[in-house]
Amino acid sequence: MTDPARPSPPAADERVPEFWRALGLPGLADVHVHFLPPRLLRRVWAYFDAAGPLVGTEWPIRYRWSDADRVAHLRRLGVRAFSALAYPHRPGMAAELNRWTLEFARATPGCLPSATFFPEPDAPAYVEEALAGGARLFKVHVQVGGFAPTDPALDPVWGVLADAGVPVVVHAGHAPVGTTHTGPEPFAALLARHPRLSAVVAHLGAPDYRAFLDLAEAYERVRLDTTMAFTPFFDRFVPFPTEELPRLRELGLAGKVLLGSDFPNIPYPYADQVTGLARLDLGDDWLRAVCWDSAAALFDLT
């Protein structure tokens, strides 16, 4: 197709729609957005405010707004499809989180029905219940949860999700603070057990970008999301190696790189995420794939 006018990196949130319109897209699809029950969200924000042990740096929340205001802002940006990712930090939380996030999606046009799980005896049952309730995307945070992705309690869950072909956003990398269970090795061990798992590696697997690119190349259903990568904030700590940009481009064109932002829990404007991707100069076709087309194919968006 003939390219529209070359998109300019948006300097502020209000310029984001100009960016995707110049690419000829219907909007943006963001697979890494968080919505949580209000009480839990306040606790999460307090943890960031205190620069807790798993944050490791000053992290002022940019969009400390109500659910309604945050949904309205996503719509102003042109984010037509977005997740409502939640994740438990202890047993006994996930089933209730799933009830909340699935109800939120039912009441919120454009929200992908999202769910989560934890290594516990009832995980297979409530994951099946979430799937029956329409869940199209799951989230697992092995850093916050403090568990190995290969925990035996999760084997039946991974198997069910692999068979269903439903993607799981996995915070598998060490960033911002590594733990015993983060990094490419535990995630590779999981994939060796469940090679058909549809997984989306959060934050491009930072800081072990090369190893996670390898896994995305090796496994048909492994993808990466761009969450926080290429923003000035993230580049101070875990810059992406420029010599790996050709591989990132090929994976993006193959449908294996998806837009993620971590909205609202980011310490900078949403526009920084889109600007960072545009400034890579990987081509308009790459931007179209990352910002809309690949997620549209994965989730059958129209």
C-alpha atoms as a PDB file:
ATOM      1  CA  MET A   1       0.000   0.000   0.000  1.00  0.00           C
ATOM      2  CA  THR A   2       1.064   3.582  -0.451  1.00  0.00           C
ATOM      3  CA  ASP A   3       2.238   5.150   2.801  1.00  0.00           C
ATOM      4  CA  PRO A   4       0.268   8.120   4.106  1.00  0.00           C
ATOM      5  CA  ALA A   5       2.155  11.182   5.240  1.00  0.00           C
ATOM      6  CA  ARG A   6       5.104  10.110   7.360  1.00  0.00           C
ATOM      7  CA  PRO A   7       3.947   9.981  11.003  1.00  0.00           C
ATOM      8  CA  SER A   8       5.630  12.376  13.399  1.00  0.00           C
ATOM      9  CA  PRO A   9       6.491  11.211  16.911  1.00  0.00           C
ATOM     10  CA  PRO A  10       3.826  12.739  19.168  1.00  0.00           C
ATOM     11  CA  ALA A  11       5.236  15.330  21.544  1.00  0.00           C
ATOM     12  CA  ALA A  12       2.275  15.094  23.923  1.00  0.00           C
ATOM     13  CA  ASP A  13      -0.764  12.889  24.518  1.00  0.00           C
ATOM     14  CA  GLU A  14      -3.077  15.116  22.511  1.00  0.00           C
ATOM     15  CA  ARG A  15      -0.878  14.493  19.435  1.00  0.00           C
ATOM     16  CA  VAL A  16      -1.087  10.678  19.617  1.00  0.00           C
ATOM     17  CA  PRO A  17      -4.151  10.445  17.320  1.00  0.00           C
ATOM     18  CA  GLU A  18      -2.264  12.324  14.603  1.00  0.00           C
ATOM     19  CA  PHE A  19       0.418   9.626  14.782  1.00  0.00           C
ATOM     20  CA  TRP A  20      -1.812   6.613  14.187  1.00  0.00           C
ATOM     21  CA  ARG A  21      -3.958   8.403  11.619  1.00  0.00           C
ATOM     22  CA  ALA A  22      -0.834   9.188   9.600  1.00  0.00           C
ATOM     23  CA  LEU A  23      -0.125   5.442   9.568  1.00  0.00           C
ATOM     24  CA  GLY A  24      -3.612   4.761   8.200  1.00  0.00           C
ATOM     25  CA  LEU A  25      -4.624   2.830  11.330  1.00  0.00           C
ATOM     26  CA  PRO A  26      -8.044   2.783  13.004  1.00  0.00           C
ATOM     27  CA  GLY A  27      -6.362   3.424  16.372  1.00  0.00           C
ATOM     28  CA  LEU A  28      -4.005   1.681  18.798  1.00  0.00           C
ATOM     29  CA  ALA A  29      -4.200  -1.688  20.537  1.00  0.00           C
ATOM     30  CA  ASP A  30      -2.409  -1.807  23.894  1.00  0.00           C
ATOM     31  CA  VAL A  31      -2.013  -5.259  25.494  1.00  0.00           C
ATOM     32  CA  HIS A  32      -0.409  -4.014  28.723  1.00  0.00           C
ATOM     33  CA  VAL A  33      -2.863  -1.740  30.548  1.00  0.00           C
ATOM     34  CA  HIS A  34      -3.849  -2.177  34.202  1.00  0.00           C
ATOM     35  CA  PHE A  35      -7.238  -1.813  35.833  1.00  0.00           C
ATOM     36  CA  LEU A  36      -7.666  -3.101  39.384  1.00  0.00           C
ATOM     37  CA  PRO A  37     -10.229  -3.035  42.170  1.00  0.00           C
ATOM     38  CA  PRO A  38      -9.939   0.436  43.748  1.00  0.00           C
ATOM     39  CA  ARG A  39      -8.618  -0.708  47.125  1.00  0.00           C
ATOM     40  CA  LEU A  40      -5.905  -2.851  45.550  1.00  0.00           C
ATOM     41  CA  LEU A  41      -4.997  -0.099  43.088  1.00  0.00           C
ATOM     42  CA  ARG A  42      -4.462   2.334  45.967  1.00  0.00           C
ATOM     43  CA  ARG A  43      -2.106  -0.173  47.577  1.00  0.00           C
ATOM     44  CA  VAL A  44      -0.197  -0.606  44.328  1.00  0.00           C
ATOM     45  CA  TRP A  45       0.181   3.143  43.951  1.00  0.00           C
ATOM     46  CA  ALA A  46       1.346   3.442  47.555  1.00  0.00           C
ATOM     47  CA  TYR A  47       3.988   0.797  46.845  1.00  0.00           C
ATOM     48  CA  PHE A  48       5.247   2.784  43.859  1.00  0.00           C
ATOM     49  CA  ASP A  49       5.162   5.993  45.899  1.00  0.00           C
ATOM     50  CA  ALA A  50       7.411   4.380  48.490  1.00  0.00           C
ATOM     51  CA  ALA A  51       9.779   3.007  45.797  1.00  0.00           C
ATOM     52  CA  GLY A  52       9.279  -0.462  47.253  1.00  0.00           C
ATOM     53  CA  PRO A  53      11.912  -3.211  46.995  1.00  0.00           C
ATOM     54  CA  LEU A  54      10.577  -4.495  43.655  1.00  0.00           C
ATOM     55  CA  VAL A  55      10.480  -0.972  42.157  1.00  0.00           C
ATOM     56  CA  GLY A  56      13.978   0.156  43.071  1.00  0.00           C
ATOM     57  CA  THR A  57      13.688   3.791  41.959  1.00  0.00           C
ATOM     58  CA  GLU A  58      11.527   6.880  42.321  1.00  0.00           C
ATOM     59  CA  TRP A  59       8.350   6.216  40.341  1.00  0.00           C
ATOM     60  CA  PRO A  60       5.620   8.901  40.483  1.00  0.00           C
ATOM     61  CA  ILE A  61       2.362   7.641  38.985  1.00  0.00           C
ATOM     62  CA  ARG A  62       1.368   9.909  36.092  1.00  0.00           C
ATOM     63  CA  TYR A  63      -2.290   8.956  35.718  1.00  0.00           C
ATOM     64  CA  ARG A  64      -3.608   8.780  39.275  1.00  0.00           C
ATOM     65  CA  TRP A  65      -7.197   9.136  38.129  1.00  0.00           C
ATOM     66  CA  SER A  66     -10.519   7.350  38.490  1.00  0.00           C
ATOM     67  CA  ASP A  67     -11.331   4.362  36.285  1.00  0.00           C
ATOM     68  CA  ALA A  68     -13.757   6.475  34.272  1.00  0.00           C
ATOM     69  CA  ASP A  69     -11.204   9.225  33.675  1.00  0.00           C
ATOM     70  CA  ARG A  70      -8.535   6.739  32.637  1.00  0.00           C
ATOM     71  CA  VAL A  71     -10.863   4.974  30.208  1.00  0.00           C
ATOM     72  CA  ALA A  72     -11.840   8.358  28.764  1.00  0.00           C
ATOM     73  CA  HIS A  73      -8.179   9.263  28.302  1.00  0.00           C
ATOM     74  CA  LEU A  74      -7.429   6.021  26.493  1.00  0.00           C
ATOM     75  CA  ARG A  75     -10.283   6.806  24.143  1.00  0.00           C
ATOM     76  CA  ARG A  76      -8.974  10.320  23.534  1.00  0.00           C
ATOM     77  CA  LEU A  77      -5.610   8.787  22.660  1.00  0.00           C
ATOM     78  CA  GLY A  78      -7.340   6.448  20.220  1.00  0.00           C
ATOM     79  CA  VAL A  79      -6.572   3.239  22.131  1.00  0.00           C
ATOM     80  CA  ARG A  80      -9.418   1.156  20.742  1.00  0.00           C
ATOM     81  CA  ALA A  81      -8.422  -2.103  22.426  1.00  0.00           C
ATOM     82  CA  PHE A  82      -6.764  -2.446  25.817  1.00  0.00           C
ATOM     83  CA  SER A  83      -6.359  -4.962  28.613  1.00  0.00           C
ATOM     84  CA  ALA A  84      -7.339  -4.835  32.284  1.00  0.00           C
ATOM     85  CA  LEU A  85      -4.361  -6.706  33.684  1.00  0.00           C
ATOM     86  CA  ALA A  86      -4.415  -7.726  37.336  1.00  0.00           C
ATOM     87  CA  TYR A  87      -2.118 -10.068  39.228  1.00  0.00           C
ATOM     88  CA  PRO A  88      -2.099 -11.509  42.755  1.00  0.00           C
ATOM     89  CA  HIS A  89       0.825 -11.300  45.164  1.00  0.00           C
ATOM     90  CA  ARG A  90      -0.394 -14.112  47.406  1.00  0.00           C
ATOM     91  CA  PRO A  91      -2.737 -17.137  47.339  1.00  0.00           C
ATOM     92  CA  GLY A  92      -6.474 -16.648  47.526  1.00  0.00           C
ATOM     93  CA  MET A  93      -6.666 -13.451  45.475  1.00  0.00           C
ATOM     94  CA  ALA A  94      -6.854 -14.494  41.834  1.00  0.00           C
ATOM     95  CA  ALA A  95     -10.417 -15.783  41.597  1.00  0.00           C
ATOM     96  CA  GLU A  96     -11.853 -12.557  43.008  1.00  0.00           C
ATOM     97  CA  LEU A  97      -9.584 -10.454  40.800  1.00  0.00           C
ATOM     98  CA  ASN A  98     -10.891 -12.369  37.796  1.00  0.00           C
ATOM     99  CA  ARG A  99     -14.483 -11.675  38.745  1.00  0.00           C
ATOM    100  CA  TRP A 100     -13.685  -7.966  38.989  1.00  0.00           C
ATOM    101  CA  THR A 101     -11.668  -7.663  35.757  1.00  0.00           C
ATOM    102  CA  LEU A 102     -14.153  -9.677  33.693  1.00  0.00           C
ATOM    103  CA  GLU A 103     -17.039  -7.564  34.975  1.00  0.00           C
ATOM    104  CA  PHE A 104     -15.019  -4.422  34.229  1.00  0.00           C
ATOM    105  CA  ALA A 105     -14.506  -5.611  30.642  1.00  0.00           C
ATOM    106  CA  ARG A 106     -18.200  -6.377  30.217  1.00  0.00           C
ATOM    107  CA  ALA A 107     -19.016  -2.809  31.278  1.00  0.00           C
ATOM    108  CA  THR A 108     -16.207  -1.158  29.280  1.00  0.00           C
ATOM    109  CA  PRO A 109     -16.282  -1.243  25.463  1.00  0.00           C
ATOM    110  CA  GLY A 110     -12.830  -1.835  24.008  1.00  0.00           C
ATOM    111  CA  CYS A 111     -11.511  -3.651  27.077  1.00  0.00           C
ATOM    112  CA  LEU A 112     -10.174  -7.145  26.412  1.00  0.00           C
ATOM    113  CA  PRO A 113     -11.568  -9.527  29.050  1.00  0.00           C
ATOM    114  CA  SER A 114      -8.527 -10.265  31.209  1.00  0.00           C
ATOM    115  CA  ALA A 115      -7.736 -12.704  34.021  1.00  0.00           C
ATOM    116  CA  THR A 116      -4.870 -14.016  36.134  1.00  0.00           C
ATOM    117  CA  PHE A 117      -3.788 -16.954  38.317  1.00  0.00           C
ATOM    118  CA  PHE A 118      -1.420 -18.030  41.108  1.00  0.00           C
ATOM    119  CA  PRO A 119       0.147 -21.406  41.958  1.00  0.00           C
ATOM    120  CA  GLU A 120      -2.525 -22.815  44.262  1.00  0.00           C
ATOM    121  CA  PRO A 121      -4.761 -25.912  44.257  1.00  0.00           C
ATOM    122  CA  ASP A 122      -7.872 -24.207  42.863  1.00  0.00           C
ATOM    123  CA  ALA A 123      -6.043 -22.424  40.025  1.00  0.00           C
ATOM    124  CA  PRO A 124      -7.142 -24.888  37.277  1.00  0.00           C
ATOM    125  CA  ALA A 125     -10.790 -24.518  38.305  1.00  0.00           C
ATOM    126  CA  TYR A 126     -10.896 -20.720  38.367  1.00  0.00           C
ATOM    127  CA  VAL A 127      -8.862 -20.451  35.147  1.00  0.00           C
ATOM    128  CA  GLU A 128     -11.421 -22.703  33.432  1.00  0.00           C
ATOM    129  CA  GLU A 129     -14.162 -20.519  34.926  1.00  0.00           C
ATOM    130  CA  ALA A 130     -12.483 -17.364  33.583  1.00  0.00           C
ATOM    131  CA  LEU A 131     -12.182 -18.901  30.132  1.00  0.00           C
ATOM    132  CA  ALA A 132     -15.848 -19.855  30.214  1.00  0.00           C
ATOM    133  CA  GLY A 133     -16.567 -16.266  31.257  1.00  0.00           C
ATOM    134  CA  GLY A 134     -14.889 -14.947  28.122  1.00  0.00           C
ATOM    135  CA  ALA A 135     -11.290 -14.255  29.216  1.00  0.00           C
ATOM    136  CA  ARG A 136      -9.145 -13.531  26.160  1.00  0.00           C
ATOM    137  CA  LEU A 137      -5.914 -12.549  27.889  1.00  0.00           C
ATOM    138  CA  PHE A 138      -4.192 -13.560  31.137  1.00  0.00           C
ATOM    139  CA  LYS A 139      -1.443 -11.898  33.175  1.00  0.00           C
ATOM    140  CA  VAL A 140       1.208 -13.510  35.386  1.00  0.00           C
ATOM    141  CA  HIS A 141       3.831 -11.552  37.327  1.00  0.00           C
ATOM    142  CA  VAL A 142       6.426 -14.008  38.620  1.00  0.00           C
ATOM    143  CA  GLN A 143       8.473 -11.176  40.173  1.00  0.00           C
ATOM    144  CA  VAL A 144       5.635  -9.800  42.314  1.00  0.00           C
ATOM    145  CA  GLY A 145       4.099 -13.223  42.914  1.00  0.00           C
ATOM    146  CA  GLY A 146       7.431 -14.691  43.996  1.00  0.00           C
ATOM    147  CA  PHE A 147       6.936 -18.048  42.292  1.00  0.00           C
ATOM    148  CA  ALA A 148       8.640 -20.058  39.577  1.00  0.00           C
ATOM    149  CA  PRO A 149       6.761 -20.291  36.279  1.00  0.00           C
ATOM    150  CA  THR A 150       7.524 -24.018  36.416  1.00  0.00           C
ATOM    151  CA  ASP A 151       5.800 -24.465  39.785  1.00  0.00           C
ATOM    152  CA  PRO A 152       4.084 -27.890  39.521  1.00  0.00           C
ATOM    153  CA  ALA A 153       0.788 -26.368  40.672  1.00  0.00           C
ATOM    154  CA  LEU A 154       0.685 -24.387  37.419  1.00  0.00           C
ATOM    155  CA  ASP A 155       1.353 -27.242  35.006  1.00  0.00           C
ATOM    156  CA  PRO A 156      -2.345 -27.959  34.381  1.00  0.00           C
ATOM    157  CA  VAL A 157      -3.048 -24.240  33.998  1.00  0.00           C
ATOM    158  CA  TRP A 158      -0.346 -23.718  31.380  1.00  0.00           C
ATOM    159  CA  GLY A 159      -1.628 -26.809  29.569  1.00  0.00           C
ATOM    160  CA  VAL A 160      -5.212 -25.547  29.482  1.00  0.00           C
ATOM    161  CA  LEU A 161      -4.118 -22.134  28.194  1.00  0.00           C
ATOM    162  CA  ALA A 162      -1.825 -23.657  25.577  1.00  0.00           C
ATOM    163  CA  ASP A 163      -4.673 -25.834  24.315  1.00  0.00           C
ATOM    164  CA  ALA A 164      -7.063 -22.856  24.292  1.00  0.00           C
ATOM    165  CA  GLY A 165      -4.534 -20.649  22.484  1.00  0.00           C
ATOM    166  CA  VAL A 166      -5.306 -17.793  24.883  1.00  0.00           C
ATOM    167  CA  PRO A 167      -2.294 -15.473  25.351  1.00  0.00           C
ATOM    168  CA  VAL A 168      -0.663 -14.864  28.726  1.00  0.00           C
ATOM    169  CA  VAL A 169       1.278 -11.653  29.365  1.00  0.00           C
ATOM    170  CA  VAL A 170       4.197 -12.834  31.500  1.00  0.00           C
ATOM    171  CA  HIS A 171       6.445 -10.495  33.451  1.00  0.00           C
ATOM    172  CA  ALA A 172       9.383 -12.859  33.151  1.00  0.00           C
ATOM    173  CA  GLY A 173      12.353 -10.459  32.986  1.00  0.00           C
ATOM    174  CA  HIS A 174      14.502  -9.107  35.795  1.00  0.00           C
ATOM    175  CA  ALA A 175      13.548  -5.439  35.331  1.00  0.00           C
ATOM    176  CA  PRO A 176      13.095  -3.377  37.386  1.00  0.00           C
ATOM    177  CA  VAL A 177      14.492  -5.658  40.128  1.00  0.00           C
ATOM    178  CA  GLY A 178      15.524  -9.249  39.548  1.00  0.00           C
ATOM    179  CA  THR A 179      14.407 -12.128  41.753  1.00  0.00           C
ATOM    180  CA  THR A 180      15.115 -15.843  41.978  1.00  0.00           C
ATOM    181  CA  HIS A 181      12.351 -16.689  39.517  1.00  0.00           C
ATOM    182  CA  THR A 182      12.833 -13.945  36.899  1.00  0.00           C
ATOM    183  CA  GLY A 183      15.066 -14.029  33.838  1.00  0.00           C
ATOM    184  CA  PRO A 184      15.168 -16.032  30.627  1.00  0.00           C
ATOM    185  CA  GLU A 185      16.163 -19.364  32.176  1.00  0.00           C
ATOM    186  CA  PRO A 186      12.980 -20.028  34.198  1.00  0.00           C
ATOM    187  CA  PHE A 187      10.847 -18.865  31.272  1.00  0.00           C
ATOM    188  CA  ALA A 188      12.759 -21.072  28.837  1.00  0.00           C
ATOM    189  CA  ALA A 189      12.192 -24.016  31.175  1.00  0.00           C
ATOM    190  CA  LEU A 190       8.455 -23.269  31.088  1.00  0.00           C
ATOM    191  CA  LEU A 191       8.444 -23.195  27.286  1.00  0.00           C
ATOM    192  CA  ALA A 192      10.346 -26.475  27.139  1.00  0.00           C
ATOM    193  CA  ARG A 193       7.436 -28.029  29.055  1.00  0.00           C
ATOM    194  CA  HIS A 194       4.696 -26.173  27.153  1.00  0.00           C
ATOM    195  CA  PRO A 195       6.081 -25.268  23.706  1.00  0.00           C
ATOM    196  CA  ARG A 196       2.623 -24.391  22.338  1.00  0.00           C
ATOM    197  CA  LEU A 197       1.948 -21.791  25.017  1.00  0.00           C
ATOM    198  CA  SER A 198       0.801 -18.434  23.647  1.00  0.00           C
ATOM    199  CA  ALA A 199       2.902 -16.034  25.726  1.00  0.00           C
ATOM    200  CA  VAL A 200       3.596 -12.313  25.518  1.00  0.00           C
ATOM    201  CA  VAL A 201       6.806 -11.355  27.314  1.00  0.00           C
ATOM    202  CA  ALA A 202       6.355  -8.026  29.085  1.00  0.00           C
ATOM    203  CA  HIS A 203       8.889  -5.214  28.655  1.00  0.00           C
ATOM    204  CA  LEU A 204      10.634  -7.108  25.813  1.00  0.00           C
ATOM    205  CA  GLY A 205      12.142  -9.211  28.616  1.00  0.00           C
ATOM    206  CA  ALA A 206      14.328  -6.352  29.895  1.00  0.00           C
ATOM    207  CA  PRO A 207      17.190  -6.350  30.634  1.00  0.00           C
ATOM    208  CA  ASP A 208      17.868  -9.721  28.939  1.00  0.00           C
ATOM    209  CA  TYR A 209      16.630  -8.578  25.563  1.00  0.00           C
ATOM    210  CA  ARG A 210      18.798 -10.881  23.461  1.00  0.00           C
ATOM    211  CA  ALA A 211      17.780 -14.040  25.289  1.00  0.00           C
ATOM    212  CA  PHE A 212      14.076 -13.218  25.019  1.00  0.00           C
ATOM    213  CA  LEU A 213      14.421 -12.333  21.342  1.00  0.00           C
ATOM    214  CA  ASP A 214      15.942 -15.802  20.938  1.00  0.00           C
ATOM    215  CA  LEU A 215      12.907 -17.377  22.586  1.00  0.00           C
ATOM    216  CA  ALA A 216      10.498 -15.384  20.426  1.00  0.00           C
ATOM    217  CA  GLU A 217      12.351 -16.634  17.357  1.00  0.00           C
ATOM    218  CA  ALA A 218      12.422 -20.226  18.597  1.00  0.00           C
ATOM    219  CA  TYR A 219       8.779 -20.612  19.688  1.00  0.00           C
ATOM    220  CA  GLU A 220       5.930 -19.975  17.281  1.00  0.00           C
ATOM    221  CA  ARG A 221       3.522 -18.572  19.873  1.00  0.00           C
ATOM    222  CA  VAL A 222       5.927 -16.431  21.894  1.00  0.00           C
ATOM    223  CA  ARG A 223       5.586 -12.689  21.415  1.00  0.00           C
ATOM    224  CA  LEU A 224       7.003  -9.601  23.124  1.00  0.00           C
ATOM    225  CA  ASP A 225       5.380  -6.382  24.281  1.00  0.00           C
ATOM    226  CA  THR A 226       7.042  -2.988  24.155  1.00  0.00           C
ATOM    227  CA  THR A 227       5.983  -1.867  27.632  1.00  0.00           C
ATOM    228  CA  MET A 228       8.184   1.043  28.796  1.00  0.00           C
ATOM    229  CA  ALA A 229      10.946   0.143  26.335  1.00  0.00           C
ATOM    230  CA  PHE A 230      12.491   3.031  24.395  1.00  0.00           C
ATOM    231  CA  THR A 231      11.177   5.677  26.794  1.00  0.00           C
ATOM    232  CA  PRO A 232      13.704   8.100  28.350  1.00  0.00           C
ATOM    233  CA  PHE A 233      12.765   6.781  31.802  1.00  0.00           C
ATOM    234  CA  PHE A 234      13.468   3.120  30.955  1.00  0.00           C
ATOM    235  CA  ASP A 235      16.510   3.857  28.817  1.00  0.00           C
ATOM    236  CA  ARG A 236      18.313   5.263  31.857  1.00  0.00           C
ATOM    237  CA  PHE A 237      18.343   1.811  33.417  1.00  0.00           C
ATOM    238  CA  VAL A 238      17.937  -0.879  30.751  1.00  0.00           C
ATOM    239  CA  PRO A 239      18.531   0.513  27.231  1.00  0.00           C
ATOM    240  CA  PHE A 240      17.764  -1.809  24.354  1.00  0.00           C
ATOM    241  CA  PRO A 241      20.940  -2.822  22.458  1.00  0.00           C
ATOM    242  CA  THR A 242      20.946  -1.024  19.121  1.00  0.00           C
ATOM    243  CA  GLU A 243      22.624  -3.957  17.400  1.00  0.00           C
ATOM    244  CA  GLU A 244      19.469  -6.015  18.077  1.00  0.00           C
ATOM    245  CA  LEU A 245      17.117  -3.598  16.313  1.00  0.00           C
ATOM    246  CA  PRO A 246      17.216  -5.565  13.019  1.00  0.00           C
ATOM    247  CA  ARG A 247      15.973  -8.650  14.853  1.00  0.00           C
ATOM    248  CA  LEU A 248      13.301  -6.613  16.608  1.00  0.00           C
ATOM    249  CA  ARG A 249      12.187  -5.316  13.232  1.00  0.00           C
ATOM    250  CA  GLU A 250      11.902  -8.812  11.758  1.00  0.00           C
ATOM    251  CA  LEU A 251       9.958 -10.078  14.748  1.00  0.00           C
ATOM    252  CA  GLY A 252       7.644  -7.081  14.569  1.00  0.00           C
ATOM    253  CA  LEU A 253       6.933  -7.623  10.902  1.00  0.00           C
ATOM    254  CA  ALA A 254       6.229 -11.277  11.726  1.00  0.00           C
ATOM    255  CA  GLY A 255       3.511 -10.236  14.175  1.00  0.00           C
ATOM    256  CA  LYS A 256       5.545 -10.999  17.287  1.00  0.00           C
ATOM    257  CA  VAL A 257       5.901  -7.533  18.844  1.00  0.00           C
ATOM    258  CA  LEU A 258       2.854  -5.861  20.398  1.00  0.00           C
ATOM    259  CA  LEU A 259       2.307  -2.386  21.805  1.00  0.00           C
ATOM    260  CA  GLY A 260       2.300  -2.260  25.594  1.00  0.00           C
ATOM    261  CA  SER A 261       2.452   0.784  27.862  1.00  0.00           C
ATOM    262  CA  ASP A 262       1.840  -0.064  31.574  1.00  0.00           C
ATOM    263  CA  PHE A 263      -0.775   2.703  31.656  1.00  0.00           C
ATOM    264  CA  PRO A 264      -1.652   4.139  34.161  1.00  0.00           C
ATOM    265  CA  ASN A 265       1.325   3.102  36.311  1.00  0.00           C
ATOM    266  CA  ILE A 266       3.911   5.087  34.388  1.00  0.00           C
ATOM    267  CA  PRO A 267       5.928   8.134  35.507  1.00  0.00           C
ATOM    268  CA  TYR A 268       5.720   9.950  32.150  1.00  0.00           C
ATOM    269  CA  PRO A 269       3.128  10.756  29.441  1.00  0.00           C
ATOM    270  CA  TYR A 270       1.654   7.921  27.371  1.00  0.00           C
ATOM    271  CA  ALA A 271       2.994   9.732  24.308  1.00  0.00           C
ATOM    272  CA  ASP A 272       6.557   8.825  25.383  1.00  0.00           C
ATOM    273  CA  GLN A 273       5.850   5.170  24.608  1.00  0.00           C
ATOM    274  CA  VAL A 274       4.639   5.859  21.092  1.00  0.00           C
ATOM    275  CA  THR A 275       7.385   8.424  20.466  1.00  0.00           C
ATOM    276  CA  GLY A 276      10.034   5.913  21.504  1.00  0.00           C
ATOM    277  CA  LEU A 277       8.772   3.389  18.962  1.00  0.00           C
ATOM    278  CA  ALA A 278       8.522   5.967  16.171  1.00  0.00           C
ATOM    279  CA  ARG A 279      12.077   7.172  16.731  1.00  0.00           C
ATOM    280  CA  LEU A 280      13.507   3.691  16.176  1.00  0.00           C
ATOM    281  CA  ASP A 281      13.006   4.327  12.447  1.00  0.00           C
ATOM    282  CA  LEU A 282      12.091   0.703  11.768  1.00  0.00           C
ATOM    283  CA  GLY A 283       9.566   1.675   9.109  1.00  0.00           C
ATOM    284  CA  ASP A 284       5.875   2.414   8.869  1.00  0.00           C
ATOM    285  CA  ASP A 285       4.977  -1.223   8.227  1.00  0.00           C
ATOM    286  CA  TRP A 286       6.685  -2.146  11.510  1.00  0.00           C
ATOM    287  CA  LEU A 287       4.785   0.570  13.370  1.00  0.00           C
ATOM    288  CA  ARG A 288       1.491  -0.564  11.867  1.00  0.00           C
ATOM    289  CA  ALA A 289       2.159  -4.139  12.918  1.00  0.00           C
ATOM    290  CA  VAL A 290       3.213  -3.227  16.461  1.00  0.00           C
ATOM    291  CA  CYS A 291       0.605  -0.565  17.137  1.00  0.00           C
ATOM    292  CA  TRP A 292      -2.436  -2.337  15.710  1.00  0.00           C
ATOM    293  CA  ASP A 293      -2.221  -5.088  13.104  1.00  0.00           C
ATOM    294  CA  SER A 294      -0.604  -7.842  15.176  1.00  0.00           C
ATOM    295  CA  ALA A 295      -2.960  -7.429  18.128  1.00  0.00           C
ATOM    296  CA  ALA A 296      -5.897  -7.136  15.730  1.00  0.00           C
ATOM    297  CA  ALA A 297      -4.978 -10.522  14.264  1.00  0.00           C
ATOM    298  CA  LEU A 298      -4.330 -12.115  17.667  1.00  0.00           C
ATOM    299  CA  PHE A 299      -7.598 -10.925  19.219  1.00  0.00           C
ATOM    300  CA  ASP A 300      -9.722 -10.716  16.040  1.00  0.00           C
ATOM    301  CA  LEU A 301     -10.310  -6.991  16.416  1.00  0.00           C
ATOM    302  CA  THR A 302     -12.443  -5.151  13.906  1.00  0.00           C
END
